[in-house]
Amino acid sequence: MHRVFPGPGRLQPWPKVARIGGGGPLLYQNYRSRYWEPVFAKLGLPYVTPHSARHSFISTLQAEGIEVGLVAKLAGHANATVTLGHYTQAVRGGEAAVAALDRAYAVGR
């Protein structure tokens, strides 16, 4: 499997100069505790998981009307069906649907 973030390896006990190993897969929990969580703490932001951030990113693009094929490509989905099936309902509230129905069935059209 290809990973976006290679593992840094582990520090030698002494001297802490070179790392042993490294370059292998960086485990999700290790990534979260070493890199992701400290950024939120340093910036004083409320914590969100990487998964939640990804979901928010994809859903926001869709809500803003970005073409679904491009959103699917950015998300790394094989096709737009996955993107539509998993993310569309997450951002579109009922307000837009109700407004569309009101316009369609307005009296005196």
PDB file of N, CA and C in Angstrom:
ATOM      1  N   MET A   1       0.837  -1.191   0.000  1.00  0.00           N
ATOM      2  CA  MET A   1       0.000   0.000   0.000  1.00  0.00           C
ATOM      3  C   MET A   1       0.875   1.245   0.000  1.00  0.00           C
ATOM      4  N   HIS A   2       0.406   2.265  -0.667  1.00  0.00           N
ATOM      5  CA  HIS A   2       1.129   3.523  -0.671  1.00  0.00           C
ATOM      6  C   HIS A   2       0.559   4.415   0.423  1.00  0.00           C
ATOM      7  N   ARG A   3       1.428   5.058   1.142  1.00  0.00           N
ATOM      8  CA  ARG A   3       1.002   5.943   2.214  1.00  0.00           C
ATOM      9  C   ARG A   3       1.418   7.369   1.893  1.00  0.00           C
ATOM     10  N   VAL A   4       0.617   8.307   2.327  1.00  0.00           N
ATOM     11  CA  VAL A   4       0.957   9.709   2.110  1.00  0.00           C
ATOM     12  C   VAL A   4       2.082  10.123   3.041  1.00  0.00           C
ATOM     13  N   PHE A   5       2.025   9.679   4.290  1.00  0.00           N
ATOM     14  CA  PHE A   5       3.016  10.068   5.285  1.00  0.00           C
ATOM     15  C   PHE A   5       3.875   8.868   5.670  1.00  0.00           C
ATOM     16  N   PRO A   6       5.152   8.871   5.311  1.00  0.00           N
ATOM     17  CA  PRO A   6       6.007   7.756   5.738  1.00  0.00           C
ATOM     18  C   PRO A   6       6.345   7.877   7.219  1.00  0.00           C
ATOM     19  N   GLY A   7       6.532   6.732   7.854  1.00  0.00           N
ATOM     20  CA  GLY A   7       6.891   6.731   9.266  1.00  0.00           C
ATOM     21  C   GLY A   7       8.298   7.262   9.477  1.00  0.00           C
ATOM     22  N   PRO A   8       8.521   8.006  10.578  1.00  0.00           N
ATOM     23  CA  PRO A   8       9.839   8.584  10.829  1.00  0.00           C
ATOM     24  C   PRO A   8      10.842   7.601  11.439  1.00  0.00           C
ATOM     25  N   GLY A   9      10.421   6.390  11.768  1.00  0.00           N
ATOM     26  CA  GLY A   9      11.304   5.451  12.451  1.00  0.00           C
ATOM     27  C   GLY A   9      11.302   5.743  13.934  1.00  0.00           C
ATOM     28  N   ARG A  10      12.276   5.202  14.670  1.00  0.00           N
ATOM     29  CA  ARG A  10      12.330   5.487  16.103  1.00  0.00           C
ATOM     30  C   ARG A  10      13.726   5.974  16.462  1.00  0.00           C
ATOM     31  N   LEU A  11      13.780   6.855  17.437  1.00  0.00           N
ATOM     32  CA  LEU A  11      15.062   7.410  17.860  1.00  0.00           C
ATOM     33  C   LEU A  11      15.881   6.364  18.596  1.00  0.00           C
ATOM     34  N   GLN A  12      17.175   6.419  18.410  1.00  0.00           N
ATOM     35  CA  GLN A  12      18.059   5.554  19.174  1.00  0.00           C
ATOM     36  C   GLN A  12      18.129   6.089  20.598  1.00  0.00           C
ATOM     37  N   PRO A  13      18.384   5.208  21.581  1.00  0.00           N
ATOM     38  CA  PRO A  13      18.445   5.665  22.970  1.00  0.00           C
ATOM     39  C   PRO A  13      19.497   6.777  23.171  1.00  0.00           C
ATOM     40  N   TRP A  14      20.711   6.558  22.657  1.00  0.00           N
ATOM     41  CA  TRP A  14      21.756   7.581  22.789  1.00  0.00           C
ATOM     42  C   TRP A  14      22.840   7.292  21.788  1.00  0.00           C
ATOM     43  N   PRO A  15      23.409   8.178  21.121  1.00  0.00           N
ATOM     44  CA  PRO A  15      22.969   9.568  21.027  1.00  0.00           C
ATOM     45  C   PRO A  15      21.745   9.654  20.125  1.00  0.00           C
ATOM     46  N   LYS A  16      20.878  10.539  20.434  1.00  0.00           N
ATOM     47  CA  LYS A  16      19.648  10.685  19.661  1.00  0.00           C
ATOM     48  C   LYS A  16      19.929  11.490  18.398  1.00  0.00           C
ATOM     49  N   VAL A  17      20.608  10.840  17.479  1.00  0.00           N
ATOM     50  CA  VAL A  17      20.999  11.503  16.248  1.00  0.00           C
ATOM     51  C   VAL A  17      20.220  10.927  15.084  1.00  0.00           C
ATOM     52  N   ALA A  18      20.458   9.683  14.807  1.00  0.00           N
ATOM     53  CA  ALA A  18      19.825   9.045  13.643  1.00  0.00           C
ATOM     54  C   ALA A  18      18.605   8.247  14.082  1.00  0.00           C
ATOM     55  N   ARG A  19      17.735   8.025  13.156  1.00  0.00           N
ATOM     56  CA  ARG A  19      16.566   7.194  13.413  1.00  0.00           C
ATOM     57  C   ARG A  19      16.828   5.791  12.872  1.00  0.00           C
ATOM     58  N   ILE A  20      16.281   4.806  13.554  1.00  0.00           N
ATOM     59  CA  ILE A  20      16.379   3.428  13.107  1.00  0.00           C
ATOM     60  C   ILE A  20      15.125   3.131  12.302  1.00  0.00           C
ATOM     61  N   GLY A  21      15.306   2.572  11.142  1.00  0.00           N
ATOM     62  CA  GLY A  21      14.133   2.257  10.315  1.00  0.00           C
ATOM     63  C   GLY A  21      13.609   3.516   9.665  1.00  0.00           C
ATOM     64  N   GLY A  22      12.312   3.635   9.650  1.00  0.00           N
ATOM     65  CA  GLY A  22      11.693   4.813   9.041  1.00  0.00           C
ATOM     66  C   GLY A  22      11.344   4.549   7.595  1.00  0.00           C
ATOM     67  N   GLY A  23      10.511   5.388   7.065  1.00  0.00           N
ATOM     68  CA  GLY A  23      10.107   5.266   5.684  1.00  0.00           C
ATOM     69  C   GLY A  23       8.952   4.318   5.463  1.00  0.00           C
ATOM     70  N   GLY A  24       8.590   3.537   6.481  1.00  0.00           N
ATOM     71  CA  GLY A  24       7.462   2.626   6.364  1.00  0.00           C
ATOM     72  C   GLY A  24       6.156   3.370   6.604  1.00  0.00           C
ATOM     73  N   PRO A  25       5.056   2.647   6.684  1.00  0.00           N
ATOM     74  CA  PRO A  25       3.773   3.314   6.899  1.00  0.00           C
ATOM     75  C   PRO A  25       3.701   3.959   8.276  1.00  0.00           C
ATOM     76  N   LEU A  26       3.154   5.151   8.319  1.00  0.00           N
ATOM     77  CA  LEU A  26       2.913   5.840   9.571  1.00  0.00           C
ATOM     78  C   LEU A  26       1.504   5.474  10.006  1.00  0.00           C
ATOM     79  N   LEU A  27       1.379   4.840  11.140  1.00  0.00           N
ATOM     80  CA  LEU A  27       0.081   4.387  11.606  1.00  0.00           C
ATOM     81  C   LEU A  27      -0.808   5.571  11.952  1.00  0.00           C
ATOM     82  N   TYR A  28      -2.090   5.403  11.751  1.00  0.00           N
ATOM     83  CA  TYR A  28      -3.059   6.478  11.956  1.00  0.00           C
ATOM     84  C   TYR A  28      -2.976   7.064  13.361  1.00  0.00           C
ATOM     85  N   GLN A  29      -2.976   6.214  14.373  1.00  0.00           N
ATOM     86  CA  GLN A  29      -2.936   6.703  15.755  1.00  0.00           C
ATOM     87  C   GLN A  29      -1.630   7.425  16.033  1.00  0.00           C
ATOM     88  N   ASN A  30      -0.546   6.942  15.473  1.00  0.00           N
ATOM     89  CA  ASN A  30       0.746   7.582  15.647  1.00  0.00           C
ATOM     90  C   ASN A  30       0.741   8.965  14.987  1.00  0.00           C
ATOM     91  N   TYR A  31       0.178   9.052  13.797  1.00  0.00           N
ATOM     92  CA  TYR A  31       0.064  10.333  13.093  1.00  0.00           C
ATOM     93  C   TYR A  31      -0.763  11.322  13.910  1.00  0.00           C
ATOM     94  N   ARG A  32      -1.894  10.839  14.427  1.00  0.00           N
ATOM     95  CA  ARG A  32      -2.766  11.726  15.212  1.00  0.00           C
ATOM     96  C   ARG A  32      -2.055  12.255  16.440  1.00  0.00           C
ATOM     97  N   SER A  33      -1.392  11.402  17.181  1.00  0.00           N
ATOM     98  CA  SER A  33      -0.774  11.846  18.426  1.00  0.00           C
ATOM     99  C   SER A  33       0.498  12.661  18.212  1.00  0.00           C
ATOM    100  N   ARG A  34       1.273  12.368  17.177  1.00  0.00           N
ATOM    101  CA  ARG A  34       2.530  13.093  16.941  1.00  0.00           C
ATOM    102  C   ARG A  34       2.365  14.396  16.170  1.00  0.00           C
ATOM    103  N   TYR A  35       1.440  14.414  15.227  1.00  0.00           N
ATOM    104  CA  TYR A  35       1.371  15.549  14.313  1.00  0.00           C
ATOM    105  C   TYR A  35       0.041  16.297  14.368  1.00  0.00           C
ATOM    106  N   TRP A  36      -1.062  15.566  14.264  1.00  0.00           N
ATOM    107  CA  TRP A  36      -2.371  16.193  14.121  1.00  0.00           C
ATOM    108  C   TRP A  36      -2.808  16.906  15.403  1.00  0.00           C
ATOM    109  N   GLU A  37      -2.852  16.199  16.536  1.00  0.00           N
ATOM    110  CA  GLU A  37      -3.323  16.770  17.796  1.00  0.00           C
ATOM    111  C   GLU A  37      -2.480  17.959  18.261  1.00  0.00           C
ATOM    112  N   PRO A  38      -1.146  17.903  18.171  1.00  0.00           N
ATOM    113  CA  PRO A  38      -0.351  19.055  18.617  1.00  0.00           C
ATOM    114  C   PRO A  38      -0.649  20.354  17.865  1.00  0.00           C
ATOM    115  N   VAL A  39      -1.015  20.257  16.596  1.00  0.00           N
ATOM    116  CA  VAL A  39      -1.342  21.466  15.828  1.00  0.00           C
ATOM    117  C   VAL A  39      -2.578  22.145  16.418  1.00  0.00           C
ATOM    118  N   PHE A  40      -3.607  21.369  16.721  1.00  0.00           N
ATOM    119  CA  PHE A  40      -4.821  21.935  17.298  1.00  0.00           C
ATOM    120  C   PHE A  40      -4.539  22.534  18.670  1.00  0.00           C
ATOM    121  N   ALA A  41      -3.738  21.836  19.467  1.00  0.00           N
ATOM    122  CA  ALA A  41      -3.398  22.346  20.791  1.00  0.00           C
ATOM    123  C   ALA A  41      -2.619  23.660  20.683  1.00  0.00           C
ATOM    124  N   LYS A  42      -1.640  23.700  19.794  1.00  0.00           N
ATOM    125  CA  LYS A  42      -0.808  24.902  19.642  1.00  0.00           C
ATOM    126  C   LYS A  42      -1.626  26.095  19.161  1.00  0.00           C
ATOM    127  N   LEU A  43      -2.571  25.851  18.267  1.00  0.00           N
ATOM    128  CA  LEU A  43      -3.396  26.930  17.727  1.00  0.00           C
ATOM    129  C   LEU A  43      -4.601  27.261  18.616  1.00  0.00           C
ATOM    130  N   GLY A  44      -4.821  26.450  19.653  1.00  0.00           N
ATOM    131  CA  GLY A  44      -5.948  26.686  20.542  1.00  0.00           C
ATOM    132  C   GLY A  44      -7.301  26.431  19.899  1.00  0.00           C
ATOM    133  N   LEU A  45      -7.317  25.516  18.938  1.00  0.00           N
ATOM    134  CA  LEU A  45      -8.552  25.186  18.230  1.00  0.00           C
ATOM    135  C   LEU A  45      -9.206  23.951  18.835  1.00  0.00           C
ATOM    136  N   PRO A  46     -10.526  23.849  18.741  1.00  0.00           N
ATOM    137  CA  PRO A  46     -11.169  22.617  19.192  1.00  0.00           C
ATOM    138  C   PRO A  46     -10.738  21.460  18.296  1.00  0.00           C
ATOM    139  N   TYR A  47     -10.528  20.320  18.900  1.00  0.00           N
ATOM    140  CA  TYR A  47     -10.009  19.162  18.171  1.00  0.00           C
ATOM    141  C   TYR A  47     -11.067  18.545  17.278  1.00  0.00           C
ATOM    142  N   VAL A  48     -10.671  18.179  16.078  1.00  0.00           N
ATOM    143  CA  VAL A  48     -11.477  17.358  15.175  1.00  0.00           C
ATOM    144  C   VAL A  48     -10.568  16.255  14.631  1.00  0.00           C
ATOM    145  N   THR A  49     -11.150  15.127  14.348  1.00  0.00           N
ATOM    146  CA  THR A  49     -10.358  14.017  13.817  1.00  0.00           C
ATOM    147  C   THR A  49     -10.001  14.291  12.356  1.00  0.00           C
ATOM    148  N   PRO A  50      -8.950  13.662  11.849  1.00  0.00           N
ATOM    149  CA  PRO A  50      -8.640  13.796  10.431  1.00  0.00           C
ATOM    150  C   PRO A  50      -9.825  13.380   9.555  1.00  0.00           C
ATOM    151  N   HIS A  51     -10.534  12.353   9.984  1.00  0.00           N
ATOM    152  CA  HIS A  51     -11.697  11.891   9.219  1.00  0.00           C
ATOM    153  C   HIS A  51     -12.766  12.982   9.158  1.00  0.00           C
ATOM    154  N   SER A  52     -13.031  13.632  10.280  1.00  0.00           N
ATOM    155  CA  SER A  52     -14.026  14.708  10.305  1.00  0.00           C
ATOM    156  C   SER A  52     -13.595  15.879   9.435  1.00  0.00           C
ATOM    157  N   ALA A  53     -12.306  16.202   9.449  1.00  0.00           N
ATOM    158  CA  ALA A  53     -11.797  17.297   8.621  1.00  0.00           C
ATOM    159  C   ALA A  53     -11.965  16.957   7.137  1.00  0.00           C
ATOM    160  N   ARG A  54     -11.671  15.724   6.777  1.00  0.00           N
ATOM    161  CA  ARG A  54     -11.835  15.285   5.383  1.00  0.00           C
ATOM    162  C   ARG A  54     -13.302  15.364   4.968  1.00  0.00           C
ATOM    163  N   HIS A  55     -14.175  14.867   5.836  1.00  0.00           N
ATOM    164  CA  HIS A  55     -15.601  14.884   5.543  1.00  0.00           C
ATOM    165  C   HIS A  55     -16.091  16.324   5.366  1.00  0.00           C
ATOM    166  N   SER A  56     -15.649  17.211   6.240  1.00  0.00           N
ATOM    167  CA  SER A  56     -16.038  18.616   6.153  1.00  0.00           C
ATOM    168  C   SER A  56     -15.536  19.252   4.860  1.00  0.00           C
ATOM    169  N   PHE A  57     -14.305  18.956   4.491  1.00  0.00           N
ATOM    170  CA  PHE A  57     -13.707  19.491   3.261  1.00  0.00           C
ATOM    171  C   PHE A  57     -14.530  19.089   2.042  1.00  0.00           C
ATOM    172  N   ILE A  58     -14.815  17.804   1.927  1.00  0.00           N
ATOM    173  CA  ILE A  58     -15.553  17.287   0.773  1.00  0.00           C
ATOM    174  C   ILE A  58     -16.980  17.823   0.759  1.00  0.00           C
ATOM    175  N   SER A  59     -17.631  17.809   1.917  1.00  0.00           N
ATOM    176  CA  SER A  59     -19.013  18.271   2.004  1.00  0.00           C
ATOM    177  C   SER A  59     -19.123  19.756   1.688  1.00  0.00           C
ATOM    178  N   THR A  60     -18.168  20.548   2.153  1.00  0.00           N
ATOM    179  CA  THR A  60     -18.191  21.985   1.887  1.00  0.00           C
ATOM    180  C   THR A  60     -18.025  22.272   0.402  1.00  0.00           C
ATOM    181  N   LEU A  61     -17.122  21.552  -0.253  1.00  0.00           N
ATOM    182  CA  LEU A  61     -16.965  21.739  -1.697  1.00  0.00           C
ATOM    183  C   LEU A  61     -18.275  21.451  -2.421  1.00  0.00           C
ATOM    184  N   GLN A  62     -18.931  20.383  -2.040  1.00  0.00           N
ATOM    185  CA  GLN A  62     -20.201  20.036  -2.681  1.00  0.00           C
ATOM    186  C   GLN A  62     -21.278  21.074  -2.390  1.00  0.00           C
ATOM    187  N   ALA A  63     -21.339  21.527  -1.151  1.00  0.00           N
ATOM    188  CA  ALA A  63     -22.349  22.520  -0.785  1.00  0.00           C
ATOM    189  C   ALA A  63     -22.151  23.828  -1.530  1.00  0.00           C
ATOM    190  N   GLU A  64     -20.914  24.130  -1.876  1.00  0.00           N
ATOM    191  CA  GLU A  64     -20.608  25.359  -2.596  1.00  0.00           C
ATOM    192  C   GLU A  64     -20.769  25.207  -4.108  1.00  0.00           C
ATOM    193  N   GLY A  65     -21.218  24.037  -4.542  1.00  0.00           N
ATOM    194  CA  GLY A  65     -21.525  23.838  -5.948  1.00  0.00           C
ATOM    195  C   GLY A  65     -20.354  23.435  -6.826  1.00  0.00           C
ATOM    196  N   ILE A  66     -19.262  22.994  -6.223  1.00  0.00           N
ATOM    197  CA  ILE A  66     -18.132  22.519  -7.024  1.00  0.00           C
ATOM    198  C   ILE A  66     -18.553  21.231  -7.732  1.00  0.00           C
ATOM    199  N   GLU A  67     -18.209  21.109  -8.988  1.00  0.00           N
ATOM    200  CA  GLU A  67     -18.600  19.961  -9.807  1.00  0.00           C
ATOM    201  C   GLU A  67     -18.200  18.655  -9.128  1.00  0.00           C
ATOM    202  N   VAL A  68     -19.131  17.718  -9.067  1.00  0.00           N
ATOM    203  CA  VAL A  68     -18.934  16.489  -8.300  1.00  0.00           C
ATOM    204  C   VAL A  68     -17.761  15.656  -8.811  1.00  0.00           C
ATOM    205  N   GLY A  69     -17.494  15.687 -10.114  1.00  0.00           N
ATOM    206  CA  GLY A  69     -16.354  14.940 -10.647  1.00  0.00           C
ATOM    207  C   GLY A  69     -15.034  15.450 -10.091  1.00  0.00           C
ATOM    208  N   LEU A  70     -14.912  16.771  -9.959  1.00  0.00           N
ATOM    209  CA  LEU A  70     -13.695  17.350  -9.390  1.00  0.00           C
ATOM    210  C   LEU A  70     -13.586  17.023  -7.910  1.00  0.00           C
ATOM    211  N   VAL A  71     -14.692  17.105  -7.191  1.00  0.00           N
ATOM    212  CA  VAL A  71     -14.688  16.768  -5.762  1.00  0.00           C
ATOM    213  C   VAL A  71     -14.265  15.310  -5.574  1.00  0.00           C
ATOM    214  N   ALA A  72     -14.799  14.426  -6.408  1.00  0.00           N
ATOM    215  CA  ALA A  72     -14.442  13.003  -6.329  1.00  0.00           C
ATOM    216  C   ALA A  72     -12.953  12.807  -6.581  1.00  0.00           C
ATOM    217  N   LYS A  73     -12.420  13.529  -7.554  1.00  0.00           N
ATOM    218  CA  LYS A  73     -10.994  13.420  -7.863  1.00  0.00           C
ATOM    219  C   LYS A  73     -10.141  13.906  -6.688  1.00  0.00           C
ATOM    220  N   LEU A  74     -10.509  15.051  -6.114  1.00  0.00           N
ATOM    221  CA  LEU A  74      -9.772  15.576  -4.961  1.00  0.00           C
ATOM    222  C   LEU A  74      -9.848  14.637  -3.758  1.00  0.00           C
ATOM    223  N   ALA A  75     -10.984  13.964  -3.617  1.00  0.00           N
ATOM    224  CA  ALA A  75     -11.174  13.038  -2.497  1.00  0.00           C
ATOM    225  C   ALA A  75     -10.473  11.703  -2.719  1.00  0.00           C
ATOM    226  N   GLY A  76     -10.081  11.440  -3.976  1.00  0.00           N
ATOM    227  CA  GLY A  76      -9.447  10.166  -4.285  1.00  0.00           C
ATOM    228  C   GLY A  76     -10.444   9.047  -4.503  1.00  0.00           C
ATOM    229  N   HIS A  77     -11.700   9.404  -4.756  1.00  0.00           N
ATOM    230  CA  HIS A  77     -12.716   8.384  -5.019  1.00  0.00           C
ATOM    231  C   HIS A  77     -12.593   7.880  -6.452  1.00  0.00           C
ATOM    232  N   ALA A  78     -12.885   6.625  -6.649  1.00  0.00           N
ATOM    233  CA  ALA A  78     -12.796   6.014  -7.975  1.00  0.00           C
ATOM    234  C   ALA A  78     -13.809   6.619  -8.941  1.00  0.00           C
ATOM    235  N   ASN A  79     -14.968   7.004  -8.415  1.00  0.00           N
ATOM    236  CA  ASN A  79     -15.974   7.639  -9.261  1.00  0.00           C
ATOM    237  C   ASN A  79     -16.864   8.537  -8.405  1.00  0.00           C
ATOM    238  N   ALA A  80     -17.658   9.359  -9.066  1.00  0.00           N
ATOM    239  CA  ALA A  80     -18.492  10.337  -8.371  1.00  0.00           C
ATOM    240  C   ALA A  80     -19.629   9.706  -7.581  1.00  0.00           C
ATOM    241  N   THR A  81     -19.980   8.466  -7.880  1.00  0.00           N
ATOM    242  CA  THR A  81     -21.060   7.791  -7.160  1.00  0.00           C
ATOM    243  C   THR A  81     -20.733   7.675  -5.674  1.00  0.00           C
ATOM    244  N   VAL A  82     -19.505   7.365  -5.353  1.00  0.00           N
ATOM    245  CA  VAL A  82     -19.085   7.267  -3.950  1.00  0.00           C
ATOM    246  C   VAL A  82     -19.244   8.625  -3.272  1.00  0.00           C
ATOM    247  N   THR A  83     -18.782   9.667  -3.936  1.00  0.00           N
ATOM    248  CA  THR A  83     -18.867  11.013  -3.381  1.00  0.00           C
ATOM    249  C   THR A  83     -20.322  11.405  -3.143  1.00  0.00           C
ATOM    250  N   LEU A  84     -21.157  11.187  -4.130  1.00  0.00           N
ATOM    251  CA  LEU A  84     -22.575  11.545  -3.991  1.00  0.00           C
ATOM    252  C   LEU A  84     -23.258  10.728  -2.903  1.00  0.00           C
ATOM    253  N   GLY A  85     -22.943   9.452  -2.830  1.00  0.00           N
ATOM    254  CA  GLY A  85     -23.587   8.578  -1.857  1.00  0.00           C
ATOM    255  C   GLY A  85     -23.206   8.842  -0.424  1.00  0.00           C
ATOM    256  N   HIS A  86     -21.993   9.307  -0.190  1.00  0.00           N
ATOM    257  CA  HIS A  86     -21.518   9.468   1.183  1.00  0.00           C
ATOM    258  C   HIS A  86     -21.514  10.905   1.693  1.00  0.00           C
ATOM    259  N   TYR A  87     -21.498  11.873   0.825  1.00  0.00           N
ATOM    260  CA  TYR A  87     -21.291  13.237   1.287  1.00  0.00           C
ATOM    261  C   TYR A  87     -22.408  14.222   0.990  1.00  0.00           C
ATOM    262  N   THR A  88     -23.206  14.012  -0.012  1.00  0.00           N
ATOM    263  CA  THR A  88     -24.208  14.995  -0.395  1.00  0.00           C
ATOM    264  C   THR A  88     -25.191  15.285   0.725  1.00  0.00           C
ATOM    265  N   GLN A  89     -25.716  14.260   1.352  1.00  0.00           N
ATOM    266  CA  GLN A  89     -26.731  14.457   2.382  1.00  0.00           C
ATOM    267  C   GLN A  89     -26.173  15.125   3.630  1.00  0.00           C
ATOM    268  N   ALA A  90     -24.871  15.147   3.778  1.00  0.00           N
ATOM    269  CA  ALA A  90     -24.282  15.685   5.004  1.00  0.00           C
ATOM    270  C   ALA A  90     -24.365  17.200   5.092  1.00  0.00           C
ATOM    271  N   VAL A  91     -24.491  17.891   3.974  1.00  0.00           N
ATOM    272  CA  VAL A  91     -24.429  19.351   4.019  1.00  0.00           C
ATOM    273  C   VAL A  91     -25.702  20.044   3.578  1.00  0.00           C
ATOM    274  N   ARG A  92     -26.511  19.395   2.856  1.00  0.00           N
ATOM    275  CA  ARG A  92     -27.700  20.054   2.342  1.00  0.00           C
ATOM    276  C   ARG A  92     -28.871  19.810   3.283  1.00  0.00           C
ATOM    277  N   GLY A  93     -29.297  20.880   3.898  1.00  0.00           N
ATOM    278  CA  GLY A  93     -30.422  20.784   4.808  1.00  0.00           C
ATOM    279  C   GLY A  93     -31.731  20.785   4.049  1.00  0.00           C
ATOM    280  N   GLY A  94     -32.820  20.670   4.758  1.00  0.00           N
ATOM    281  CA  GLY A  94     -34.133  20.646   4.148  1.00  0.00           C
ATOM    282  C   GLY A  94     -34.598  22.007   3.660  1.00  0.00           C
ATOM    283  N   GLU A  95     -33.910  23.084   4.094  1.00  0.00           N
ATOM    284  CA  GLU A  95     -34.348  24.436   3.731  1.00  0.00           C
ATOM    285  C   GLU A  95     -34.379  24.632   2.219  1.00  0.00           C
ATOM    286  N   ALA A  96     -33.355  24.187   1.530  1.00  0.00           N
ATOM    287  CA  ALA A  96     -33.289  24.362   0.082  1.00  0.00           C
ATOM    288  C   ALA A  96     -34.394  23.569  -0.610  1.00  0.00           C
ATOM    289  N   ALA A  97     -34.678  22.370  -0.114  1.00  0.00           N
ATOM    290  CA  ALA A  97     -35.731  21.544  -0.709  1.00  0.00           C
ATOM    291  C   ALA A  97     -37.098  22.184  -0.507  1.00  0.00           C
ATOM    292  N   VAL A  98     -37.342  22.699   0.695  1.00  0.00           N
ATOM    293  CA  VAL A  98     -38.624  23.346   0.981  1.00  0.00           C
ATOM    294  C   VAL A  98     -38.786  24.594   0.110  1.00  0.00           C
ATOM    295  N   ALA A  99     -37.737  25.379  -0.025  1.00  0.00           N
ATOM    296  CA  ALA A  99     -37.791  26.582  -0.860  1.00  0.00           C
ATOM    297  C   ALA A  99     -38.071  26.221  -2.324  1.00  0.00           C
ATOM    298  N   ALA A 100     -37.450  25.150  -2.814  1.00  0.00           N
ATOM    299  CA  ALA A 100     -37.677  24.711  -4.190  1.00  0.00           C
ATOM    300  C   ALA A 100     -39.128  24.275  -4.384  1.00  0.00           C
ATOM    301  N   LEU A 101     -39.681  23.563  -3.413  1.00  0.00           N
ATOM    302  CA  LEU A 101     -41.082  23.137  -3.497  1.00  0.00           C
ATOM    303  C   LEU A 101     -42.015  24.341  -3.440  1.00  0.00           C
ATOM    304  N   ASP A 102     -41.702  25.304  -2.576  1.00  0.00           N
ATOM    305  CA  ASP A 102     -42.514  26.520  -2.498  1.00  0.00           C
ATOM    306  C   ASP A 102     -42.536  27.250  -3.847  1.00  0.00           C
ATOM    307  N   ARG A 103     -41.385  27.340  -4.487  1.00  0.00           N
ATOM    308  CA  ARG A 103     -41.317  28.016  -5.794  1.00  0.00           C
ATOM    309  C   ARG A 103     -42.103  27.233  -6.843  1.00  0.00           C
ATOM    310  N   ALA A 104     -41.971  25.917  -6.808  1.00  0.00           N
ATOM    311  CA  ALA A 104     -42.624  25.080  -7.814  1.00  0.00           C
ATOM    312  C   ALA A 104     -44.139  25.110  -7.690  1.00  0.00           C
ATOM    313  N   TYR A 105     -44.638  25.181  -6.472  1.00  0.00           N
ATOM    314  CA  TYR A 105     -46.080  25.107  -6.266  1.00  0.00           C
ATOM    315  C   TYR A 105     -46.683  26.436  -5.815  1.00  0.00           C
ATOM    316  N   ALA A 106     -45.989  27.507  -6.066  1.00  0.00           N
ATOM    317  CA  ALA A 106     -46.485  28.830  -5.663  1.00  0.00           C
ATOM    318  C   ALA A 106     -47.792  29.153  -6.376  1.00  0.00           C
ATOM    319  N   VAL A 107     -48.709  29.721  -5.634  1.00  0.00           N
ATOM    320  CA  VAL A 107     -49.993  30.118  -6.193  1.00  0.00           C
ATOM    321  C   VAL A 107     -49.785  31.343  -7.071  1.00  0.00           C
ATOM    322  N   GLY A 108     -50.413  31.374  -8.231  1.00  0.00           N
ATOM    323  CA  GLY A 108     -50.311  32.516  -9.119  1.00  0.00           C
ATOM    324  C   GLY A 108     -49.093  32.489 -10.015  1.00  0.00           C
ATOM    325  N   ARG A 109     -48.528  31.330 -10.200  1.00  0.00           N
ATOM    326  CA  ARG A 109     -47.348  31.193 -11.081  1.00  0.00           C
ATOM    327  C   ARG A 109     -47.679  31.480 -12.478  1.00  0.00           C
TER     328      ARG A 109
END
